[in-house]
């Protein structure tokens, strides 16, 4: 019988990454599931209390819609069958049912800054990793290999305490061929692009008025385009932007990567979109110094999914 591989999806970025990797593992029996948890978090998600996360009904629904549209084998997440390998983009939460299965962890994008919560979690391992967000990615140790975007990220994860022997620099799907985003039909050119965050939706303070006024000043008279975060309350955000930066264009849908490709300057906080802007050589304003961002930028090798599939194969058959 073919060995079974389970791909744990989540956001559309995570889901499409998992799908791309699976394309190079056709010799195995491939299954997919939206992200899930057990215990108290699982119960909270089922009762609609975690709608701002990838366990929320809306995001699970989008993942299921994508998986079904590509006619992939879908596992419900409850009462999982036995698998020989799990491939996932996050270890902030590791369901008990997956802890006994060999796992390959794949970096999904940029990691958040290391706050006080991160340092508490690093020193008190009994604290839930998800409290520190993606800053604590890789700290579970519940995997055989961890595929990362660049040598800069490898060094960063080692500094956080990840075992160097488990780290493999492969680049990551969706970020390994950023030049391809330059071939697009987005109608605007040479503007300043702002990619907003979902901080407020995840209960993190943000002074949006102050930030919008700052972005207007940074644009220096250039056209401003705002790309809203998929998890953001679009109507509220659009009203704020029209109030404090009238005449700006606001998009809640569409490809942020293509918008970045056509811009002259990109502004964001800690967002994975800055990795695309950096790879394309754009002027980037974010929470990182220019040299650090350059080192973190994913390798542009156009083969991340294939490389990660090879790592999966080694774990399965090695």
Protein backbone atom coordinates (compact mmCIF):
# COMPACT_ATOMS: atom_id res chain seq x y z
CA UNK A 1 0.00 0.00 0.00
CA UNK A 2 1.07 3.56 -0.68
CA UNK A 3 2.26 5.57 2.30
CA UNK A 4 -0.25 8.21 3.41
CA UNK A 5 0.65 11.90 3.70
CA UNK A 6 -1.59 14.49 5.37
CA UNK A 7 -1.24 18.18 4.44
CA UNK A 8 -2.58 20.53 7.11
CA UNK A 9 -3.89 23.70 5.46
CA UNK A 10 -5.19 26.97 6.89
CA UNK A 11 -5.04 30.41 5.30
CA UNK A 12 -5.00 30.58 1.50
CA UNK A 13 -1.24 31.16 1.62
CA UNK A 14 -0.78 28.01 3.69
CA UNK A 15 -3.27 26.01 1.64
CA UNK A 16 -1.72 26.86 -1.72
CA UNK A 17 1.75 26.11 -0.37
CA UNK A 18 0.61 22.66 0.75
CA UNK A 19 -1.00 22.02 -2.64
CA UNK A 20 2.17 22.98 -4.50
CA UNK A 21 4.31 20.67 -2.38
CA UNK A 22 1.90 17.78 -2.91
CA UNK A 23 2.35 18.12 -6.66
CA UNK A 24 5.82 16.61 -6.33
CA UNK A 25 4.76 13.68 -4.13
CA UNK A 26 2.45 11.86 -6.51
CA UNK A 27 3.77 8.42 -5.55
CA UNK A 28 2.05 8.67 -2.15
CA UNK A 29 -1.58 8.65 -1.02
CA UNK A 30 -2.20 12.36 -0.44
CA UNK A 31 -4.81 13.83 1.91
CA UNK A 32 -5.64 17.38 3.00
CA UNK A 33 -7.40 18.97 5.96
CA UNK A 34 -8.27 22.53 7.00
CA UNK A 35 -6.45 23.52 10.16
CA UNK A 36 -7.97 22.15 13.35
CA UNK A 37 -7.26 21.69 17.03
CA UNK A 38 -8.49 19.46 19.80
CA UNK A 39 -9.14 20.13 23.49
CA UNK A 40 -10.36 23.54 24.62
CA UNK A 41 -9.25 25.33 21.45
CA UNK A 42 -11.09 22.82 19.31
CA UNK A 43 -14.24 23.30 21.37
CA UNK A 44 -13.90 27.09 21.16
CA UNK A 45 -13.56 26.92 17.37
CA UNK A 46 -16.63 24.71 17.03
CA UNK A 47 -18.62 27.24 19.07
CA UNK A 48 -17.59 30.16 16.86
CA UNK A 49 -15.23 31.79 19.35
CA UNK A 50 -12.13 31.73 17.14
CA UNK A 51 -13.44 33.29 13.93
CA UNK A 52 -10.40 35.61 13.74
CA UNK A 53 -8.09 32.60 13.33
CA UNK A 54 -7.52 29.93 10.67
CA UNK A 55 -9.79 27.67 12.74
CA UNK A 56 -12.73 30.01 12.16
CA UNK A 57 -15.63 28.86 10.01
CA UNK A 58 -14.97 31.42 7.26
CA UNK A 59 -11.32 30.50 6.72
CA UNK A 60 -12.00 26.77 7.07
CA UNK A 61 -14.75 27.23 4.50
CA UNK A 62 -12.40 28.95 2.05
CA UNK A 63 -9.82 26.20 2.49
CA UNK A 64 -12.45 23.53 1.91
CA UNK A 65 -13.72 25.35 -1.17
CA UNK A 66 -10.19 25.44 -2.59
CA UNK A 67 -9.50 21.78 -1.82
CA UNK A 68 -12.79 20.62 -3.30
CA UNK A 69 -12.36 22.77 -6.41
CA UNK A 70 -9.06 20.99 -7.08
CA UNK A 71 -10.66 17.59 -6.39
CA UNK A 72 -8.23 16.74 -3.60
CA UNK A 73 -8.84 14.06 -0.98
CA UNK A 74 -10.13 15.82 2.13
CA UNK A 75 -9.84 14.59 5.71
CA UNK A 76 -12.36 16.05 8.13
CA UNK A 77 -9.89 16.67 10.97
CA UNK A 78 -11.85 14.66 13.53
CA UNK A 79 -10.91 11.03 14.16
CA UNK A 80 -7.97 11.09 11.75
CA UNK A 81 -6.90 7.87 10.06
CA UNK A 82 -3.29 6.76 10.42
CA UNK A 83 -0.70 8.68 8.40
CA UNK A 84 2.95 8.12 7.67
CA UNK A 85 3.77 11.83 7.43
CA UNK A 86 2.20 15.19 8.28
CA UNK A 87 3.19 18.36 6.41
CA UNK A 88 2.12 21.64 8.00
CA UNK A 89 2.86 25.39 7.92
CA UNK A 90 2.51 26.00 11.65
CA UNK A 91 3.47 24.39 14.93
CA UNK A 92 1.96 27.07 17.17
CA UNK A 93 -0.75 24.51 17.88
CA UNK A 94 -0.05 20.79 17.49
CA UNK A 95 -3.15 18.59 17.95
CA UNK A 96 -2.53 15.54 20.10
CA UNK A 97 -3.62 13.23 17.29
CA UNK A 98 -0.72 14.49 15.12
CA UNK A 99 2.04 14.35 17.75
CA UNK A 100 2.67 10.66 17.17
CA UNK A 101 3.20 11.11 13.39
CA UNK A 102 6.50 12.21 11.77
CA UNK A 103 6.11 15.82 10.64
CA UNK A 104 7.73 18.24 8.21
CA UNK A 105 7.20 21.89 9.16
CA UNK A 106 7.23 24.52 6.40
CA UNK A 107 7.77 28.21 7.07
CA UNK A 108 4.66 30.03 5.85
CA UNK A 109 6.07 33.54 5.57
CA UNK A 110 7.45 36.32 7.73
CA UNK A 111 7.60 35.83 11.49
CA UNK A 112 6.31 38.43 13.91
CA UNK A 113 8.57 40.44 16.26
CA UNK A 114 9.77 38.93 19.52
CA UNK A 115 7.71 40.51 22.27
CA UNK A 116 7.82 39.93 26.02
CA UNK A 117 5.39 37.04 25.49
CA UNK A 118 7.89 35.36 23.16
CA UNK A 119 10.64 35.47 25.77
CA UNK A 120 8.29 34.16 28.45
CA UNK A 121 7.30 31.25 26.21
CA UNK A 122 10.93 30.54 25.39
CA UNK A 123 11.75 30.25 29.08
CA UNK A 124 8.50 28.67 30.29
CA UNK A 125 7.69 25.96 27.78
CA UNK A 126 4.37 25.16 29.44
CA UNK A 127 2.93 28.44 28.11
CA UNK A 128 0.92 28.19 24.85
CA UNK A 129 3.09 29.12 21.88
CA UNK A 130 0.22 30.79 20.04
CA UNK A 131 0.25 33.62 22.59
CA UNK A 132 3.39 34.97 20.91
CA UNK A 133 2.07 34.50 17.38
CA UNK A 134 4.40 33.42 14.59
CA UNK A 135 7.41 34.67 16.57
CA UNK A 136 7.38 31.25 18.26
CA UNK A 137 7.27 29.25 15.01
CA UNK A 138 9.57 26.24 15.18
CA UNK A 139 9.80 26.17 18.96
CA UNK A 140 7.61 23.10 19.45
CA UNK A 141 10.31 20.67 18.30
CA UNK A 142 7.40 18.46 17.17
CA UNK A 143 8.83 17.79 13.72
CA UNK A 144 11.68 15.95 12.01
CA UNK A 145 12.59 18.75 9.59
CA UNK A 146 11.79 22.44 9.33
CA UNK A 147 11.99 23.91 5.80
CA UNK A 148 12.83 27.62 5.84
CA UNK A 149 13.02 30.49 3.37
CA UNK A 150 16.66 31.59 3.50
CA UNK A 151 19.99 31.39 5.31
CA UNK A 152 18.94 34.54 7.17
CA UNK A 153 15.88 32.78 8.54
CA UNK A 154 17.94 29.70 9.38
CA UNK A 155 20.19 31.89 11.52
CA UNK A 156 17.15 33.57 13.10
CA UNK A 157 15.55 30.25 14.07
CA UNK A 158 18.83 28.95 15.48
CA UNK A 159 19.05 32.07 17.65
CA UNK A 160 15.52 31.36 18.87
CA UNK A 161 16.64 27.91 19.99
CA UNK A 162 15.70 25.62 17.08
CA UNK A 163 17.95 22.58 16.56
CA UNK A 164 20.22 23.40 13.55
CA UNK A 165 20.17 19.74 12.47
CA UNK A 166 16.45 19.98 11.77
CA UNK A 167 16.63 23.12 9.64
CA UNK A 168 16.75 22.89 5.84
CA UNK A 169 16.99 25.97 3.60
CA UNK A 170 14.61 25.24 0.72
CA UNK A 171 12.90 28.61 0.11
CA UNK A 172 9.10 28.53 0.38
CA UNK A 173 6.31 28.27 -2.21
CA UNK A 174 4.54 31.51 -3.18
CA UNK A 175 7.78 33.41 -2.44
CA UNK A 176 10.43 31.63 -4.54
CA UNK A 177 9.64 33.27 -7.92
CA UNK A 178 8.56 36.80 -7.15
CA UNK A 179 9.57 38.02 -10.63
CA UNK A 180 6.55 36.15 -11.99
CA UNK A 181 4.27 38.69 -10.30
CA UNK A 182 5.55 41.37 -12.67
CA UNK A 183 3.51 39.74 -15.45
CA UNK A 184 0.08 41.06 -14.52
CA UNK A 185 -2.83 43.16 -15.75
CA UNK A 186 -3.25 45.34 -12.65
CA UNK A 187 -4.05 48.73 -14.23
CA UNK A 188 -2.02 51.08 -11.98
CA UNK A 189 1.71 51.86 -11.94
CA UNK A 190 4.29 53.79 -9.90
CA UNK A 191 2.20 54.34 -6.76
CA UNK A 192 2.88 53.89 -3.06
CA UNK A 193 1.30 50.68 -1.80
CA UNK A 194 0.24 50.19 1.82
CA UNK A 195 -0.53 46.64 2.95
CA UNK A 196 -2.54 46.94 6.15
CA UNK A 197 -2.71 44.50 9.04
CA UNK A 198 -5.44 42.69 10.94
CA UNK A 199 -4.05 43.77 14.31
CA UNK A 200 -7.35 45.10 15.55
CA UNK A 201 -9.21 41.97 14.50
CA UNK A 202 -6.75 39.93 16.58
CA UNK A 203 -7.06 42.29 19.58
CA UNK A 204 -3.73 44.12 19.08
CA UNK A 205 -3.81 47.91 19.43
CA UNK A 206 -3.23 50.01 16.33
CA UNK A 207 -3.74 53.75 15.88
CA UNK A 208 -5.01 53.56 12.31
CA UNK A 209 -5.65 57.32 12.02
CA UNK A 210 -2.07 58.13 13.00
CA UNK A 211 -0.70 55.51 10.60
CA UNK A 212 -2.75 56.68 7.62
CA UNK A 213 -1.62 60.27 8.13
CA UNK A 214 1.97 59.03 8.31
CA UNK A 215 1.54 57.07 5.08
CA UNK A 216 0.20 60.18 3.33
CA UNK A 217 3.32 62.08 4.37
CA UNK A 218 5.62 59.26 3.23
CA UNK A 219 3.92 59.12 -0.17
CA UNK A 220 4.88 62.72 -0.82
CA UNK A 221 2.05 63.41 -3.24
CA UNK A 222 2.20 60.07 -5.07
CA UNK A 223 -0.96 58.06 -5.55
CA UNK A 224 -1.71 55.91 -2.51
CA UNK A 225 -3.18 52.42 -2.83
CA UNK A 226 -4.24 50.42 0.22
CA UNK A 227 -4.46 46.63 0.07
CA UNK A 228 -6.47 45.46 3.07
CA UNK A 229 -5.61 42.34 5.02
CA UNK A 230 -7.96 39.43 4.16
CA UNK A 231 -8.99 39.17 7.80
CA UNK A 232 -9.75 42.89 8.18
CA UNK A 233 -13.15 44.56 8.53
CA UNK A 234 -13.14 46.07 5.05
CA UNK A 235 -15.98 48.56 5.44
CA UNK A 236 -14.52 50.15 8.58
CA UNK A 237 -11.02 50.29 7.05
CA UNK A 238 -12.25 51.87 3.81
CA UNK A 239 -14.16 54.57 5.71
CA UNK A 240 -11.07 55.44 7.75
CA UNK A 241 -8.87 55.65 4.67
CA UNK A 242 -11.34 57.92 2.84
CA UNK A 243 -11.52 60.15 5.93
CA UNK A 244 -7.77 60.57 6.46
CA UNK A 245 -6.38 59.98 2.95
CA UNK A 246 -9.20 61.02 0.61
CA UNK A 247 -8.83 59.92 -2.99
CA UNK A 248 -6.76 56.84 -2.15
CA UNK A 249 -7.68 53.57 -3.82
CA UNK A 250 -8.69 50.71 -1.51
CA UNK A 251 -8.70 47.01 -2.45
CA UNK A 252 -9.99 44.26 -0.21
CA UNK A 253 -9.49 41.60 -2.88
CA UNK A 254 -6.95 40.98 -5.61
CA UNK A 255 -3.32 39.93 -5.66
CA UNK A 256 -1.19 41.89 -3.20
CA UNK A 257 1.90 40.47 -4.94
CA UNK A 258 0.90 41.94 -8.31
CA UNK A 259 0.15 45.27 -6.66
CA UNK A 260 3.62 45.20 -5.10
CA UNK A 261 5.20 44.45 -8.48
CA UNK A 262 3.66 47.60 -10.02
CA UNK A 263 4.44 49.92 -7.10
CA UNK A 264 7.43 52.20 -6.63
CA UNK A 265 7.38 51.94 -2.82
CA UNK A 266 5.74 49.58 -0.38
CA UNK A 267 4.76 50.22 3.25
CA UNK A 268 3.74 47.55 5.74
CA UNK A 269 4.29 46.49 9.30
CA UNK A 270 5.33 42.89 9.98
CA UNK A 271 3.73 41.30 6.92
CA UNK A 272 4.92 38.54 4.61
CA UNK A 273 4.23 40.86 1.69
CA UNK A 274 7.46 42.74 2.45
CA UNK A 275 9.38 39.60 1.47
CA UNK A 276 7.94 39.90 -2.04
CA UNK A 277 8.77 43.61 -2.20
CA UNK A 278 12.32 42.93 -1.06
CA UNK A 279 12.80 40.17 -3.63
CA UNK A 280 11.64 42.59 -6.35
CA UNK A 281 14.05 45.29 -5.19
CA UNK A 282 11.35 47.75 -4.12
CA UNK A 283 11.82 50.52 -1.60
CA UNK A 284 10.34 48.92 1.52
CA UNK A 285 9.32 50.56 4.77
CA UNK A 286 8.55 48.07 7.53
CA UNK A 287 9.73 47.06 10.97
CA UNK A 288 13.10 45.74 9.77
CA UNK A 289 16.42 47.30 8.82
CA UNK A 290 17.23 47.04 5.10
CA UNK A 291 20.14 44.61 5.53
CA UNK A 292 18.19 42.33 7.85
CA UNK A 293 15.28 42.23 5.41
CA UNK A 294 17.68 41.39 2.59
CA UNK A 295 19.08 38.42 4.53
CA UNK A 296 15.62 37.14 5.38
CA UNK A 297 14.30 37.38 1.81
CA UNK A 298 13.42 33.92 0.45
CA UNK A 299 15.74 32.34 -2.09
CA UNK A 300 14.47 32.96 -5.62
CA UNK A 301 15.18 29.44 -6.82
CA UNK A 302 11.77 28.68 -8.38
CA UNK A 303 11.93 25.21 -6.85
CA UNK A 304 10.81 25.51 -3.22
CA UNK A 305 7.92 23.04 -3.54
CA UNK A 306 10.15 20.47 -5.20
CA UNK A 307 12.87 20.95 -2.57
CA UNK A 308 10.39 20.55 0.28
CA UNK A 309 8.93 17.45 -1.36
CA UNK A 310 12.44 15.96 -1.42
CA UNK A 311 12.73 16.65 2.33
CA UNK A 312 9.37 14.92 2.86
CA UNK A 313 10.56 11.95 0.83
CA UNK A 314 13.71 11.66 2.93
CA UNK A 315 11.67 11.66 6.15
CA UNK A 316 9.27 9.09 4.73
CA UNK A 317 11.80 6.73 3.19
CA UNK A 318 15.06 7.53 4.95
